[in-house]
Protein backbone atom coordinates (compact mmCIF):
# COMPACT_ATOMS: atom_id res chain seq x y z
CA MET A 1 -20.01 19.37 -51.44
CA THR A 2 -21.37 17.96 -48.24
CA HIS A 3 -18.70 16.41 -46.05
CA ILE A 4 -19.55 12.95 -44.77
CA ASP A 5 -17.72 11.89 -41.61
CA LEU A 6 -17.08 8.16 -41.83
CA SER A 7 -15.08 7.97 -38.60
CA PRO A 8 -16.69 6.03 -35.73
CA PRO A 9 -18.22 8.07 -32.93
CA ALA A 10 -16.39 8.43 -29.62
CA ARG A 11 -18.80 6.02 -27.94
CA ALA A 12 -17.96 3.31 -30.46
CA ILE A 13 -14.26 3.89 -29.98
CA ARG A 14 -14.53 3.21 -26.26
CA ALA A 15 -17.10 0.43 -26.41
CA PRO A 16 -14.58 -2.46 -26.42
CA GLY A 17 -13.01 -1.07 -23.27
CA ALA A 18 -16.38 -0.90 -21.54
CA ASN A 19 -16.86 -4.62 -22.14
CA VAL A 20 -13.60 -5.74 -20.56
CA ARG A 21 -12.68 -3.09 -17.99
CA TRP A 22 -13.91 -5.09 -14.99
CA LEU A 23 -11.89 -8.07 -16.21
CA MET A 24 -8.85 -5.78 -16.45
CA LEU A 25 -9.53 -4.61 -12.89
CA ALA A 26 -9.53 -8.25 -11.77
CA VAL A 27 -6.13 -8.73 -13.43
CA ILE A 28 -4.83 -5.60 -11.70
CA PHE A 29 -6.27 -6.75 -8.36
CA LEU A 30 -4.54 -10.13 -8.55
CA THR A 31 -1.27 -8.50 -9.59
CA ARG A 32 -1.34 -6.15 -6.61
CA THR A 33 -2.24 -9.05 -4.33
CA SER A 34 1.10 -10.67 -5.16
CA MET A 35 2.86 -7.51 -3.97
CA GLY A 36 1.15 -7.52 -0.58
CA PHE A 37 1.78 -11.27 -0.34
CA GLN A 38 5.55 -10.89 -0.79
CA PHE A 39 5.77 -7.83 1.44
CA GLN A 40 4.16 -9.65 4.37
CA SER A 41 6.28 -12.79 4.01
CA ILE A 42 8.92 -11.74 6.58
CA ALA A 43 6.27 -10.95 9.17
CA ALA A 44 4.53 -14.27 8.55
CA LEU A 45 7.85 -16.16 8.78
CA THR A 46 9.34 -14.26 11.74
CA PRO A 47 9.26 -17.29 14.12
CA PHE A 48 11.37 -19.22 11.60
CA VAL A 49 13.67 -16.50 10.26
CA VAL A 50 14.78 -15.20 13.69
CA PRO A 51 16.45 -18.46 14.79
CA ALA A 52 17.64 -19.30 11.27
CA PHE A 53 19.58 -16.04 10.89
CA GLU A 54 20.03 -15.28 14.61
CA LEU A 55 18.29 -11.94 14.18
CA SER A 56 17.17 -9.36 16.68
CA TYR A 57 13.64 -8.02 16.28
CA ALA A 58 15.09 -4.69 15.17
CA GLN A 59 16.77 -6.55 12.31
CA VAL A 60 13.50 -8.31 11.51
CA GLY A 61 11.84 -4.88 11.36
CA LEU A 62 14.61 -3.73 9.05
CA LEU A 63 13.94 -6.61 6.66
CA MET A 64 10.24 -5.76 6.70
CA GLY A 65 10.89 -2.09 6.05
CA LEU A 66 13.45 -2.59 3.28
CA PHE A 67 10.62 -3.62 0.95
CA MET A 68 9.25 -0.08 1.31
CA LEU A 69 12.43 1.98 1.61
CA PRO A 70 13.22 2.16 -2.16
CA GLY A 71 9.99 4.12 -2.61
CA VAL A 72 11.60 7.12 -0.92
CA VAL A 73 13.77 7.73 -3.99
CA ILE A 74 11.79 5.88 -6.70
CA ALA A 75 8.26 7.23 -6.18
CA LEU A 76 8.86 10.42 -8.15
CA PRO A 77 10.98 9.11 -11.07
CA GLY A 78 8.88 5.93 -11.22
CA GLY A 79 5.91 7.92 -12.47
CA LEU A 80 8.06 9.54 -15.15
CA LEU A 81 9.37 6.16 -16.24
CA GLY A 82 5.86 4.80 -16.65
CA GLN A 83 4.77 7.81 -18.66
CA ARG A 84 7.68 7.37 -21.06
CA LEU A 85 7.67 3.57 -21.41
CA GLY A 86 4.05 2.69 -20.67
CA SER A 87 2.49 1.23 -17.55
CA LEU A 88 2.47 -2.40 -18.69
CA ARG A 89 6.19 -2.50 -19.44
CA VAL A 90 7.06 -0.99 -16.08
CA VAL A 91 4.75 -3.41 -14.22
CA ILE A 92 6.39 -6.38 -15.97
CA ALA A 93 9.82 -5.01 -15.02
CA GLY A 94 8.65 -4.50 -11.44
CA LEU A 95 7.29 -8.03 -11.12
CA SER A 96 10.54 -9.37 -12.56
CA LEU A 97 12.45 -7.54 -9.84
CA MET A 98 10.08 -9.00 -7.23
CA ILE A 99 10.86 -12.49 -8.53
CA VAL A 100 14.59 -11.85 -8.37
CA GLY A 101 14.32 -10.32 -4.90
CA GLY A 102 12.27 -13.24 -3.59
CA MET A 103 14.76 -15.72 -4.96
CA ILE A 104 17.64 -13.90 -3.26
CA VAL A 105 15.78 -14.03 0.08
CA SER A 106 15.00 -17.72 -0.45
CA TYR A 107 18.66 -18.58 -1.00
CA SER A 108 20.06 -16.12 1.55
CA GLY A 109 22.25 -17.34 4.37
CA GLY A 110 22.13 -14.30 6.61
CA LEU A 111 20.94 -10.76 7.21
CA HIS A 112 22.93 -9.03 4.49
CA SER A 113 21.86 -11.24 1.60
CA ALA A 114 18.26 -11.24 2.83
CA ALA A 115 18.38 -7.43 3.03
CA LEU A 116 19.62 -7.29 -0.56
CA GLY A 117 16.75 -9.49 -1.70
CA ARG A 118 14.17 -7.42 0.13
CA SER A 119 15.57 -4.21 -1.38
CA VAL A 120 15.50 -5.61 -4.93
CA GLY A 121 11.95 -6.87 -4.45
CA GLY A 122 10.99 -3.53 -2.93
CA VAL A 123 12.16 -1.62 -6.00
CA GLY A 124 9.90 -3.82 -8.09
CA GLY A 125 7.03 -3.40 -5.67
CA VAL A 126 7.24 0.40 -5.83
CA LEU A 127 7.10 0.38 -9.63
CA VAL A 128 4.14 -2.02 -9.61
CA ASN A 129 2.30 0.04 -7.00
CA ILE A 130 2.53 3.31 -8.91
CA MET A 131 1.69 1.89 -12.33
CA LEU A 132 -1.32 -0.19 -11.30
CA ALA A 133 -3.04 2.98 -10.10
CA ARG A 134 -2.36 4.54 -13.49
CA MET A 135 -3.84 1.49 -15.23
CA VAL A 136 -7.04 1.72 -13.20
CA ALA A 137 -7.35 5.42 -14.02
CA GLY A 138 -6.99 4.59 -17.72
CA TRP A 139 -9.87 2.13 -17.70
CA PHE A 140 -12.22 3.95 -15.31
CA ARG A 141 -11.60 7.65 -15.93
CA GLU A 142 -15.10 8.15 -17.31
CA ARG A 143 -17.05 6.59 -14.46
CA GLU A 144 -16.80 4.49 -11.28
CA LEU A 145 -13.20 5.55 -10.75
CA GLN A 146 -13.49 5.74 -6.95
CA THR A 147 -15.07 2.30 -6.74
CA ALA A 148 -12.34 0.83 -8.93
CA MET A 149 -9.57 2.53 -6.96
CA GLY A 150 -11.03 1.29 -3.68
CA LEU A 151 -11.12 -2.27 -4.96
CA MET A 152 -7.54 -1.99 -6.21
CA LEU A 153 -6.33 -0.65 -2.84
CA SER A 154 -7.99 -3.54 -1.02
CA ALA A 155 -5.74 -6.00 -2.89
CA TRP A 156 -2.77 -4.99 -0.69
CA PRO A 157 -4.31 -6.11 2.65
CA PHE A 158 -5.82 -9.09 0.84
CA GLY A 159 -2.33 -10.25 -0.13
CA MET A 160 -1.02 -9.57 3.37
CA ALA A 161 -3.83 -11.59 4.90
CA LEU A 162 -3.15 -14.49 2.54
CA ALA A 163 0.51 -14.46 3.57
CA LEU A 164 -0.38 -14.62 7.25
CA VAL A 165 -2.80 -17.49 6.71
CA ILE A 166 -0.67 -19.54 4.31
CA LEU A 167 3.04 -18.98 4.86
CA GLY A 168 3.39 -19.71 8.60
CA PRO A 169 1.66 -23.10 8.54
CA LEU A 170 3.46 -23.98 5.30
CA ALA A 171 6.84 -23.15 6.86
CA ALA A 172 5.96 -25.22 9.94
CA ALA A 173 5.10 -28.20 7.71
CA THR A 174 8.10 -27.80 5.37
CA SER A 175 10.62 -24.96 5.76
CA TRP A 176 10.69 -21.18 5.67
CA ARG A 177 12.63 -21.28 2.39
CA ILE A 178 9.86 -23.23 0.66
CA ALA A 179 7.33 -20.73 2.02
CA GLU A 180 9.40 -17.88 0.56
CA TYR A 181 9.50 -19.70 -2.79
CA VAL A 182 5.71 -19.47 -2.79
CA THR A 183 5.95 -15.67 -2.86
CA VAL A 184 8.26 -15.96 -5.86
CA ALA A 185 5.73 -18.22 -7.57
CA ALA A 186 2.94 -15.72 -6.81
CA ALA A 187 4.91 -12.90 -8.45
CA GLY A 188 5.64 -15.17 -11.42
CA LEU A 189 1.96 -16.03 -11.85
CA ALA A 190 1.07 -12.33 -11.63
CA LEU A 191 3.66 -11.54 -14.32
CA ALA A 192 2.28 -14.22 -16.63
CA LEU A 193 -1.30 -13.09 -15.97
CA ILE A 194 -0.75 -9.42 -16.66
CA ALA A 195 1.54 -10.03 -19.65
CA LEU A 196 -0.95 -12.39 -21.32
CA ALA A 197 -4.35 -11.07 -20.19
CA TYR A 198 -3.96 -7.33 -19.71
CA LYS A 199 -4.97 -4.97 -22.51
CA GLU A 200 -4.13 -1.29 -22.64
CA ALA A 201 -7.07 1.02 -21.99
CA PRO A 202 -8.52 2.56 -25.17
CA ALA A 203 -7.13 6.04 -25.68
CA GLU A 204 -9.30 9.12 -25.82
CA PRO A 205 -9.73 10.34 -29.41
CA GLY A 206 -6.59 12.29 -30.29
CA ALA A 207 -4.75 11.19 -27.14
CA PRO A 208 -1.80 8.79 -26.96
CA ALA A 209 -2.35 5.23 -25.80
CA ASP A 210 -1.06 4.13 -22.45
CA GLY A 211 1.82 2.29 -24.07
CA ALA A 212 3.83 5.45 -24.60
CA SER A 213 3.67 9.17 -24.04
CA ALA A 214 3.33 11.48 -27.01
CA GLU A 215 5.61 14.05 -25.44
CA PRO A 216 8.19 14.10 -22.64
CA ALA A 217 6.79 13.83 -19.12
CA LYS A 218 7.03 16.94 -16.99
CA PHE A 219 6.98 17.55 -13.27
CA HIS A 220 6.32 21.07 -12.14
CA LEU A 221 8.85 21.39 -9.33
CA GLY A 222 8.60 25.16 -9.12
CA VAL A 223 5.58 25.13 -6.86
CA PRO A 224 4.68 27.57 -4.08
CA GLY A 225 5.65 26.92 -0.48
CA ARG A 226 2.03 26.36 0.44
CA VAL A 227 1.86 23.33 -1.86
CA TRP A 228 5.02 21.85 -0.34
CA ALA A 229 3.60 22.39 3.16
CA LEU A 230 0.31 20.73 2.24
CA ALA A 231 2.11 17.80 0.61
CA VAL A 232 4.45 17.27 3.56
CA SER A 233 1.73 17.45 6.22
CA ALA A 234 -0.63 15.17 4.27
CA GLY A 235 2.22 12.77 3.47
CA ILE A 236 3.27 12.55 7.10
CA GLY A 237 -0.32 11.87 8.13
CA TRP A 238 -0.73 9.14 5.52
CA ALA A 239 2.63 7.63 6.49
CA LEU A 240 1.68 7.54 10.19
CA LEU A 241 -1.70 5.93 9.52
CA ASN A 242 -0.27 3.23 7.27
CA ALA A 243 2.76 2.66 9.48
CA SER A 244 0.43 1.95 12.39
CA VAL A 245 -1.44 -0.65 10.35
CA ILE A 246 1.73 -2.29 9.06
CA VAL A 247 3.35 -2.47 12.51
CA VAL A 248 0.25 -4.22 13.85
CA ALA A 249 0.15 -6.62 10.91
CA SER A 250 3.87 -7.34 11.22
CA PHE A 251 4.19 -7.78 15.00
CA ALA A 252 0.74 -8.95 16.11
CA PRO A 253 1.44 -12.60 15.15
CA SER A 254 4.53 -12.85 17.39
CA PHE A 255 2.66 -10.99 20.15
CA LEU A 256 -0.26 -13.43 19.99
CA MET A 257 2.16 -16.35 20.08
CA SER A 258 3.62 -14.90 23.30
CA ARG A 259 0.07 -15.11 24.67
CA GLY A 260 -0.13 -18.82 23.83
CA ALA A 261 -1.48 -18.86 20.28
CA SER A 262 -0.05 -21.28 17.73
CA VAL A 263 1.60 -20.08 14.53
CA GLY A 264 -1.56 -20.79 12.55
CA GLU A 265 -3.86 -19.17 15.12
CA ALA A 266 -1.72 -16.04 15.39
CA GLY A 267 -1.57 -15.61 11.62
CA GLY A 268 -5.27 -16.35 11.27
CA ILE A 269 -6.33 -13.77 13.87
CA THR A 270 -4.13 -11.04 12.39
CA GLY A 271 -5.26 -12.02 8.94
CA LEU A 272 -8.91 -11.77 10.02
CA ALA A 273 -8.37 -8.15 11.07
CA LEU A 274 -6.93 -7.45 7.63
CA TRP A 275 -9.79 -9.28 5.90
CA ILE A 276 -12.25 -7.07 7.76
CA SER A 277 -10.36 -3.90 6.79
CA ILE A 278 -10.74 -4.91 3.14
CA ILE A 279 -14.48 -4.38 3.62
CA SER A 280 -14.42 -1.56 6.17
CA VAL A 281 -12.25 0.84 4.13
CA PRO A 282 -14.64 1.08 1.14
CA LEU A 283 -17.58 1.29 3.57
CA GLY A 284 -15.80 4.09 5.43
CA GLY A 285 -15.56 6.08 2.23
CA LEU A 286 -19.29 5.55 1.65
CA VAL A 287 -20.08 6.79 5.17
CA ALA A 288 -17.89 9.87 4.61
CA ASP A 289 -19.72 10.71 1.39
CA ARG A 290 -23.08 10.40 3.10
CA LEU A 291 -22.34 12.27 6.35
CA ARG A 292 -20.11 14.97 4.81
CA LYS A 293 -18.15 15.41 8.05
CA PRO A 294 -14.64 14.38 6.99
CA ARG A 295 -12.72 16.00 9.85
CA LEU A 296 -14.90 14.44 12.53
CA LEU A 297 -14.67 11.01 10.94
CA ILE A 298 -10.87 11.15 10.71
CA VAL A 299 -10.55 12.08 14.38
CA VAL A 300 -13.12 9.54 15.57
CA GLY A 301 -11.66 6.80 13.39
CA CYS A 302 -8.05 7.38 14.47
CA VAL A 303 -8.87 7.69 18.19
CA ALA A 304 -11.10 4.62 18.19
CA THR A 305 -8.58 2.54 16.25
CA ALA A 306 -5.71 3.63 18.51
CA LEU A 307 -7.70 2.65 21.62
CA THR A 308 -8.56 -0.81 20.28
CA ILE A 309 -4.91 -1.47 19.37
CA ALA A 310 -3.82 -0.41 22.86
CA CYS A 311 -6.48 -2.68 24.39
CA ALA A 312 -5.22 -5.57 22.26
CA ALA A 313 -1.77 -5.02 23.77
CA ARG A 314 -2.82 -4.78 27.43
CA ALA A 315 -6.41 -5.92 27.93
CA PRO A 316 -7.86 -9.45 27.97
CA TRP A 317 -9.09 -11.00 24.70
CA PRO A 318 -6.49 -9.43 22.38
CA ALA A 319 -7.94 -11.23 19.36
CA LEU A 320 -11.28 -9.48 19.85
CA TRP A 321 -9.62 -6.06 20.07
CA LEU A 322 -7.54 -6.68 16.96
CA VAL A 323 -10.65 -7.58 14.98
CA ALA A 324 -12.37 -4.43 16.29
CA SER A 325 -9.43 -2.33 15.10
CA GLY A 326 -9.93 -3.70 11.59
CA ILE A 327 -13.54 -2.51 11.66
CA LEU A 328 -12.81 1.00 12.96
CA LEU A 329 -9.82 1.48 10.67
CA GLY A 330 -12.17 1.89 7.73
CA LEU A 331 -13.17 5.47 8.53
CA PRO A 332 -10.02 7.59 7.85
CA PRO A 333 -8.22 6.21 4.74
CA GLY A 334 -10.61 7.25 1.97
CA ILE A 335 -10.96 10.76 3.37
CA MET A 336 -7.21 11.21 3.79
CA MET A 337 -6.47 10.12 0.23
CA ALA A 338 -8.77 12.91 -1.00
CA LEU A 339 -7.02 15.69 0.97
CA LEU A 340 -4.38 16.71 -1.57
CA PRO A 341 -6.47 16.46 -4.76
CA ARG A 342 -9.01 18.82 -3.19
CA ALA A 343 -6.46 21.33 -1.89
CA VAL A 344 -3.87 21.55 -4.69
CA ARG A 345 -4.27 22.76 -8.25
CA PRO A 346 -3.99 20.09 -10.98
CA GLU A 347 -0.77 21.56 -12.40
CA HIS A 348 0.92 21.14 -9.01
CA LEU A 349 -0.62 17.80 -8.03
CA ALA A 350 2.01 15.52 -9.61
CA THR A 351 4.79 17.10 -7.56
CA ALA A 352 2.66 17.15 -4.42
CA LEU A 353 1.79 13.46 -4.78
CA GLY A 354 5.45 12.63 -5.39
CA VAL A 355 6.34 14.18 -2.03
CA PHE A 356 3.28 12.52 -0.46
CA TYR A 357 4.32 9.02 -1.55
CA ALA A 358 8.00 9.51 -0.76
CA LEU A 359 7.07 10.31 2.85
CA PHE A 360 4.66 7.39 2.91
CA TYR A 361 7.39 4.94 1.90
CA LEU A 362 9.88 6.47 4.34
CA GLY A 363 7.44 6.13 7.23
CA MET A 364 6.57 2.57 6.31
CA ALA A 365 10.25 1.57 6.23
CA VAL A 366 11.43 3.33 9.38
CA SER A 367 8.45 2.50 11.60
CA GLN A 368 8.98 -1.25 11.48
CA THR A 369 12.64 -0.96 12.44
CA ILE A 370 11.70 1.26 15.38
CA ALA A 371 8.95 -1.15 16.44
CA GLY A 372 11.38 -4.07 16.40
CA ALA A 373 13.97 -2.07 18.36
CA LEU A 374 11.39 -1.19 21.01
CA ARG A 375 10.62 -4.85 21.50
CA ASP A 376 14.36 -5.65 21.83
CA ILE A 377 14.93 -2.86 24.35
CA THR A 378 11.91 -3.57 26.53
CA GLY A 379 11.62 -7.33 26.01
CA ASP A 380 7.86 -6.76 25.82
CA PRO A 381 6.08 -8.42 22.85
CA ALA A 382 3.24 -5.89 23.25
CA MET A 383 5.46 -2.83 22.81
CA PRO A 384 5.18 -2.72 18.98
CA LEU A 385 1.39 -2.62 19.33
CA LEU A 386 1.57 0.26 21.80
CA PHE A 387 3.90 2.03 19.38
CA ALA A 388 1.34 1.47 16.60
CA SER A 389 -1.37 2.96 18.80
CA GLY A 390 0.74 6.07 19.27
CA LEU A 391 1.34 6.36 15.52
CA MET A 392 -2.40 6.25 14.90
CA LEU A 393 -2.98 9.11 17.37
CA ALA A 394 -0.13 11.12 15.84
CA THR A 395 -1.98 10.94 12.52
CA ILE A 396 -4.51 13.40 13.92
CA ALA A 397 -1.76 15.93 14.69
CA ALA A 398 -0.36 15.76 11.14
CA VAL A 399 -3.78 16.14 9.54
CA THR A 400 -4.58 19.04 11.87
CA VAL A 401 -1.48 20.83 10.56
CA PHE A 402 -2.73 20.19 7.04
CA TRP A 403 -6.12 21.69 7.87
CA ARG A 404 -4.48 24.78 9.40
CA ILE A 405 -2.35 25.37 6.29
CA GLU A 406 -5.35 24.81 4.07
CA GLY A 407 -7.47 27.21 6.13
CA ARG A 408 -4.90 30.01 6.15
CA ALA A 409 -4.54 29.83 2.40
CA ALA A 410 -8.27 29.68 1.66
CA GLY A 411 -8.89 31.91 -1.27
CA SER A 412 -5.22 32.35 -2.05
CA VAL A 413 -3.67 31.53 -5.40
CA ASP A 414 -1.10 28.73 -5.48
């Protein structure tokens, strides 16, 4: 007897997802925007928080960095948690923690309670950050994955820029506590949006849906030393690059105010540099794909960005130099994010990326505290920018180490 297969073809199974995946990406983008918005709130409100809590700039840097510090220990288990419980559940939990953390900061009466709030919100932010990338991969694994990932990544600076533009003037017109409440409201809106509008990506035929894993998650920790070395060197390079950007975004507003800018002007100028980077980073990846000279573009991009940041600190027209740094920053990020996936076997990549992100979060947390301490010690508002310039140059050294390790092991089996 002839067997008649009445099951729908694979194309039909995935068709509904194809119709809504860009809408899902928009939901993911807005959700990630709320994370960048809350992260940048302390930087945007520095002129108000410092006198309110009688803080040093090192303590301000600590509050900024505490939003990132939980990632040092949560990055690796966070991925496991999402694989067991499903991405959507973990994102909702993360946004809930961001709401709680923002409320604690809003009601805080001093450094210690504000630090607790930032830490709680940071735990939520780490979970959201990891899971949103997994959601994008679920919807776009068949095609346009790099485009979708680039758009998702741009939501972080978009949220930071919004914070710089909105929160300072709002605090000046009302109070810093009301401005912080706005970040809580943003996280609440993101939670409602993703809980009501997000749909799980259709599963591949025979594969489990994103809501739960069919079998226990596994991390292959028994990896060769070469993989660890590649992960550490790439992670340090990524941490240095991002730390440089975050230090500029966090301390440029107070620096510009020391040069005579108003709160709104300082936030607007710094925000403009971030707005430009939202466009320049995807364009930098396009240039890298066309020219096929990744090493040259990383070096040129890092050196040029470092020079413009240093010029913003010491030369006339700092606003112009800051905007230029946002343009030049677009060259290295896309290339650097591709380093590990191209150098490490798939069975070792989860562990390598866990190390990569743990170092990223550590660098992001520590760098801001150091930048604030340098300003306290020197009394120079430009010192954090000079520190950021040095971090950008140090990125080249870390990536050079990566290339050396990769070159020595060419043809070897990991």
